[in-house]
Amino acid sequence: MKPLSADTHLEAEAVQVALLRRAEVSQRLHLVSALVRVTRQLSWRGFQERHVGVDPTELRIRWAALLYGEEIGAQVADRLRAPGRRDGRA
């Protein structure tokens, strides 16, 4: 078997693959969902660390534009900056 990861021993990787193959689809989807959630959280933390001192609302707008493009970012900006919004949260 060709290695899938540079930092995992081949035998351990074979066990992991076998376990994933035996897992129910719902279990695999749960694992993928958890991986996506953790990846998004780590990415958000890194984004915050690179933009220290930026207003939280502006940070959310920049984040939306980065993830979904300028058009969606502009829509998020309009919504977050709408009159009557004190904290910039939905």
N, C-alpha and C. Protein backbone atom coordinates (compact mmCIF):
# COMPACT_ATOMS: atom_id res chain seq x y z
N MET A 1 0.84 -1.18 0.00
CA MET A 1 0.00 0.00 0.00
C MET A 1 0.88 1.25 0.00
N LYS A 2 0.56 2.21 -0.83
CA LYS A 2 1.30 3.47 -0.89
C LYS A 2 0.91 4.32 0.32
N PRO A 3 1.89 4.92 1.01
CA PRO A 3 1.57 5.73 2.19
C PRO A 3 0.68 6.93 1.85
N LEU A 4 -0.28 7.19 2.72
CA LEU A 4 -1.17 8.34 2.56
C LEU A 4 -0.68 9.53 3.36
N SER A 5 0.13 9.27 4.37
CA SER A 5 0.60 10.33 5.25
C SER A 5 2.09 10.12 5.55
N ALA A 6 2.84 11.19 5.49
CA ALA A 6 4.28 11.12 5.73
C ALA A 6 4.62 10.89 7.20
N ASP A 7 3.69 11.21 8.10
CA ASP A 7 4.01 11.13 9.53
C ASP A 7 3.33 9.97 10.25
N THR A 8 2.79 9.00 9.49
CA THR A 8 2.13 7.85 10.10
C THR A 8 2.80 6.58 9.59
N HIS A 9 3.13 5.70 10.50
CA HIS A 9 3.74 4.42 10.14
C HIS A 9 2.77 3.64 9.25
N LEU A 10 3.30 2.92 8.27
CA LEU A 10 2.46 2.18 7.31
C LEU A 10 1.49 1.21 7.98
N GLU A 11 1.95 0.51 9.02
CA GLU A 11 1.08 -0.45 9.70
C GLU A 11 -0.07 0.26 10.42
N ALA A 12 0.23 1.38 11.06
CA ALA A 12 -0.82 2.15 11.73
C ALA A 12 -1.80 2.70 10.71
N GLU A 13 -1.28 3.15 9.59
CA GLU A 13 -2.15 3.69 8.54
C GLU A 13 -3.07 2.59 7.99
N ALA A 14 -2.55 1.39 7.83
CA ALA A 14 -3.36 0.26 7.34
C ALA A 14 -4.50 -0.03 8.31
N VAL A 15 -4.24 0.04 9.60
CA VAL A 15 -5.29 -0.17 10.60
C VAL A 15 -6.33 0.94 10.50
N GLN A 16 -5.88 2.18 10.37
CA GLN A 16 -6.82 3.30 10.25
C GLN A 16 -7.72 3.15 9.03
N VAL A 17 -7.14 2.79 7.90
CA VAL A 17 -7.91 2.62 6.67
C VAL A 17 -8.92 1.49 6.83
N ALA A 18 -8.49 0.40 7.42
CA ALA A 18 -9.40 -0.73 7.64
C ALA A 18 -10.57 -0.32 8.53
N LEU A 19 -10.29 0.43 9.57
CA LEU A 19 -11.36 0.89 10.47
C LEU A 19 -12.32 1.82 9.74
N LEU A 20 -11.80 2.71 8.92
CA LEU A 20 -12.66 3.61 8.16
C LEU A 20 -13.53 2.84 7.16
N ARG A 21 -12.98 1.83 6.55
CA ARG A 21 -13.74 1.03 5.58
C ARG A 21 -14.87 0.27 6.26
N ARG A 22 -14.66 -0.15 7.49
CA ARG A 22 -15.69 -0.90 8.22
C ARG A 22 -16.73 0.00 8.86
N ALA A 23 -16.41 1.26 9.00
CA ALA A 23 -17.32 2.20 9.69
C ALA A 23 -18.59 2.43 8.87
N GLU A 24 -19.67 2.66 9.56
CA GLU A 24 -20.93 3.03 8.92
C GLU A 24 -20.75 4.37 8.22
N VAL A 25 -21.56 4.59 7.19
CA VAL A 25 -21.50 5.85 6.47
C VAL A 25 -21.73 7.03 7.42
N SER A 26 -22.67 6.88 8.34
CA SER A 26 -22.95 7.97 9.28
C SER A 26 -21.74 8.28 10.15
N GLN A 27 -20.98 7.25 10.52
CA GLN A 27 -19.77 7.47 11.32
C GLN A 27 -18.72 8.21 10.50
N ARG A 28 -18.57 7.83 9.23
CA ARG A 28 -17.59 8.50 8.37
C ARG A 28 -17.98 9.95 8.15
N LEU A 29 -19.27 10.19 7.94
CA LEU A 29 -19.73 11.58 7.76
C LEU A 29 -19.50 12.40 9.02
N HIS A 30 -19.71 11.78 10.17
CA HIS A 30 -19.45 12.48 11.44
C HIS A 30 -17.97 12.85 11.56
N LEU A 31 -17.08 11.93 11.18
CA LEU A 31 -15.64 12.22 11.22
C LEU A 31 -15.28 13.36 10.27
N VAL A 32 -15.83 13.34 9.07
CA VAL A 32 -15.56 14.40 8.10
C VAL A 32 -16.08 15.73 8.63
N SER A 33 -17.28 15.72 9.19
CA SER A 33 -17.86 16.94 9.75
C SER A 33 -16.98 17.51 10.87
N ALA A 34 -16.50 16.63 11.73
CA ALA A 34 -15.64 17.08 12.82
C ALA A 34 -14.33 17.65 12.28
N LEU A 35 -13.77 17.01 11.26
CA LEU A 35 -12.53 17.50 10.66
C LEU A 35 -12.73 18.88 10.04
N VAL A 36 -13.84 19.06 9.34
CA VAL A 36 -14.13 20.36 8.73
C VAL A 36 -14.29 21.42 9.81
N ARG A 37 -15.01 21.08 10.90
CA ARG A 37 -15.23 22.03 11.99
C ARG A 37 -13.91 22.46 12.63
N VAL A 38 -13.04 21.49 12.91
CA VAL A 38 -11.75 21.81 13.54
C VAL A 38 -10.88 22.62 12.59
N THR A 39 -10.89 22.25 11.31
CA THR A 39 -10.11 22.99 10.33
C THR A 39 -10.58 24.43 10.24
N ARG A 40 -11.89 24.63 10.23
CA ARG A 40 -12.45 25.98 10.17
C ARG A 40 -12.08 26.77 11.43
N GLN A 41 -12.15 26.13 12.59
CA GLN A 41 -11.79 26.81 13.83
C GLN A 41 -10.33 27.23 13.84
N LEU A 42 -9.45 26.34 13.43
CA LEU A 42 -8.02 26.68 13.39
C LEU A 42 -7.73 27.78 12.38
N SER A 43 -8.41 27.72 11.26
CA SER A 43 -8.23 28.75 10.25
C SER A 43 -8.71 30.11 10.77
N TRP A 44 -9.84 30.14 11.45
CA TRP A 44 -10.38 31.37 12.03
C TRP A 44 -9.41 31.94 13.06
N ARG A 45 -8.87 31.06 13.92
CA ARG A 45 -7.91 31.53 14.94
C ARG A 45 -6.67 32.14 14.27
N GLY A 46 -6.17 31.50 13.25
CA GLY A 46 -5.02 32.04 12.53
C GLY A 46 -5.34 33.37 11.88
N PHE A 47 -6.54 33.48 11.32
CA PHE A 47 -6.98 34.73 10.69
C PHE A 47 -7.04 35.85 11.74
N GLN A 48 -7.59 35.54 12.91
CA GLN A 48 -7.65 36.53 13.99
C GLN A 48 -6.26 36.96 14.42
N GLU A 49 -5.35 36.04 14.52
CA GLU A 49 -3.98 36.35 14.95
C GLU A 49 -3.26 37.23 13.94
N ARG A 50 -3.59 37.08 12.66
CA ARG A 50 -2.96 37.91 11.63
C ARG A 50 -3.60 39.29 11.53
N HIS A 51 -4.73 39.48 12.17
CA HIS A 51 -5.45 40.76 12.08
C HIS A 51 -5.76 41.32 13.48
N VAL A 52 -4.76 41.30 14.32
CA VAL A 52 -4.91 41.80 15.69
C VAL A 52 -5.30 43.28 15.65
N GLY A 53 -6.26 43.65 16.47
CA GLY A 53 -6.66 45.04 16.57
C GLY A 53 -7.75 45.45 15.59
N VAL A 54 -8.14 44.55 14.69
CA VAL A 54 -9.20 44.86 13.73
C VAL A 54 -10.55 44.70 14.44
N ASP A 55 -11.43 45.65 14.18
CA ASP A 55 -12.78 45.62 14.75
C ASP A 55 -13.43 44.25 14.47
N PRO A 56 -14.09 43.64 15.46
CA PRO A 56 -14.69 42.32 15.28
C PRO A 56 -15.66 42.23 14.10
N THR A 57 -16.44 43.27 13.87
CA THR A 57 -17.36 43.26 12.74
C THR A 57 -16.58 43.26 11.43
N GLU A 58 -15.58 44.10 11.35
CA GLU A 58 -14.74 44.15 10.14
C GLU A 58 -14.03 42.82 9.92
N LEU A 59 -13.62 42.18 11.00
CA LEU A 59 -12.96 40.88 10.91
C LEU A 59 -13.91 39.85 10.29
N ARG A 60 -15.16 39.84 10.74
CA ARG A 60 -16.15 38.91 10.18
C ARG A 60 -16.38 39.18 8.69
N ILE A 61 -16.40 40.44 8.33
CA ILE A 61 -16.62 40.81 6.92
C ILE A 61 -15.45 40.31 6.07
N ARG A 62 -14.24 40.56 6.54
CA ARG A 62 -13.05 40.12 5.80
C ARG A 62 -13.01 38.59 5.68
N TRP A 63 -13.41 37.92 6.75
CA TRP A 63 -13.44 36.46 6.76
C TRP A 63 -14.43 35.93 5.72
N ALA A 64 -15.61 36.51 5.70
CA ALA A 64 -16.63 36.10 4.72
C ALA A 64 -16.14 36.33 3.30
N ALA A 65 -15.49 37.46 3.06
CA ALA A 65 -14.98 37.76 1.72
C ALA A 65 -13.87 36.77 1.33
N LEU A 66 -13.04 36.42 2.28
CA LEU A 66 -11.97 35.47 2.00
C LEU A 66 -12.53 34.09 1.65
N LEU A 67 -13.51 33.65 2.43
CA LEU A 67 -14.06 32.31 2.22
C LEU A 67 -14.99 32.21 1.02
N TYR A 68 -15.82 33.25 0.83
CA TYR A 68 -16.90 33.14 -0.14
C TYR A 68 -16.83 34.14 -1.29
N GLY A 69 -15.82 35.00 -1.29
CA GLY A 69 -15.67 35.96 -2.36
C GLY A 69 -16.17 37.35 -1.97
N GLU A 70 -15.76 38.31 -2.78
CA GLU A 70 -16.06 39.72 -2.48
C GLU A 70 -17.57 40.02 -2.49
N GLU A 71 -18.30 39.39 -3.41
CA GLU A 71 -19.74 39.67 -3.50
C GLU A 71 -20.47 39.26 -2.21
N ILE A 72 -20.18 38.07 -1.74
CA ILE A 72 -20.79 37.61 -0.49
C ILE A 72 -20.27 38.45 0.67
N GLY A 73 -18.99 38.78 0.64
CA GLY A 73 -18.43 39.64 1.69
C GLY A 73 -19.14 40.97 1.77
N ALA A 74 -19.49 41.55 0.62
CA ALA A 74 -20.23 42.81 0.60
C ALA A 74 -21.62 42.64 1.18
N GLN A 75 -22.25 41.51 0.89
CA GLN A 75 -23.59 41.25 1.45
C GLN A 75 -23.51 41.09 2.97
N VAL A 76 -22.48 40.41 3.43
CA VAL A 76 -22.28 40.26 4.87
C VAL A 76 -22.04 41.63 5.50
N ALA A 77 -21.24 42.46 4.85
CA ALA A 77 -20.96 43.81 5.36
C ALA A 77 -22.26 44.60 5.48
N ASP A 78 -23.09 44.57 4.45
CA ASP A 78 -24.36 45.29 4.49
C ASP A 78 -25.21 44.83 5.67
N ARG A 79 -25.26 43.53 5.86
CA ARG A 79 -26.09 42.99 6.95
C ARG A 79 -25.52 43.34 8.33
N LEU A 80 -24.21 43.18 8.48
CA LEU A 80 -23.61 43.45 9.79
C LEU A 80 -23.58 44.93 10.13
N ARG A 81 -23.55 45.77 9.11
CA ARG A 81 -23.51 47.21 9.36
C ARG A 81 -24.89 47.86 9.32
N ALA A 82 -25.92 47.06 9.25
CA ALA A 82 -27.29 47.59 9.16
C ALA A 82 -27.62 48.42 10.41
N PRO A 83 -28.42 49.47 10.23
CA PRO A 83 -28.82 50.30 11.37
C PRO A 83 -29.49 49.47 12.45
N GLY A 84 -29.23 49.83 13.68
CA GLY A 84 -29.83 49.12 14.80
C GLY A 84 -29.02 47.95 15.30
N ARG A 85 -27.93 47.64 14.63
CA ARG A 85 -27.06 46.53 15.04
C ARG A 85 -25.95 47.12 15.89
N ARG A 86 -25.94 46.79 17.15
CA ARG A 86 -24.93 47.36 18.05
C ARG A 86 -23.65 46.54 18.12
N ASP A 87 -23.78 45.21 18.02
CA ASP A 87 -22.58 44.38 18.19
C ASP A 87 -22.11 43.72 16.91
N GLY A 88 -22.80 43.93 15.81
CA GLY A 88 -22.38 43.35 14.53
C GLY A 88 -22.70 41.88 14.40
N ARG A 89 -23.46 41.32 15.33
CA ARG A 89 -23.81 39.89 15.26
C ARG A 89 -25.18 39.71 14.65
N ALA A 90 -25.33 38.53 14.01
CA ALA A 90 -26.63 38.19 13.39
C ALA A 90 -27.64 37.80 14.43
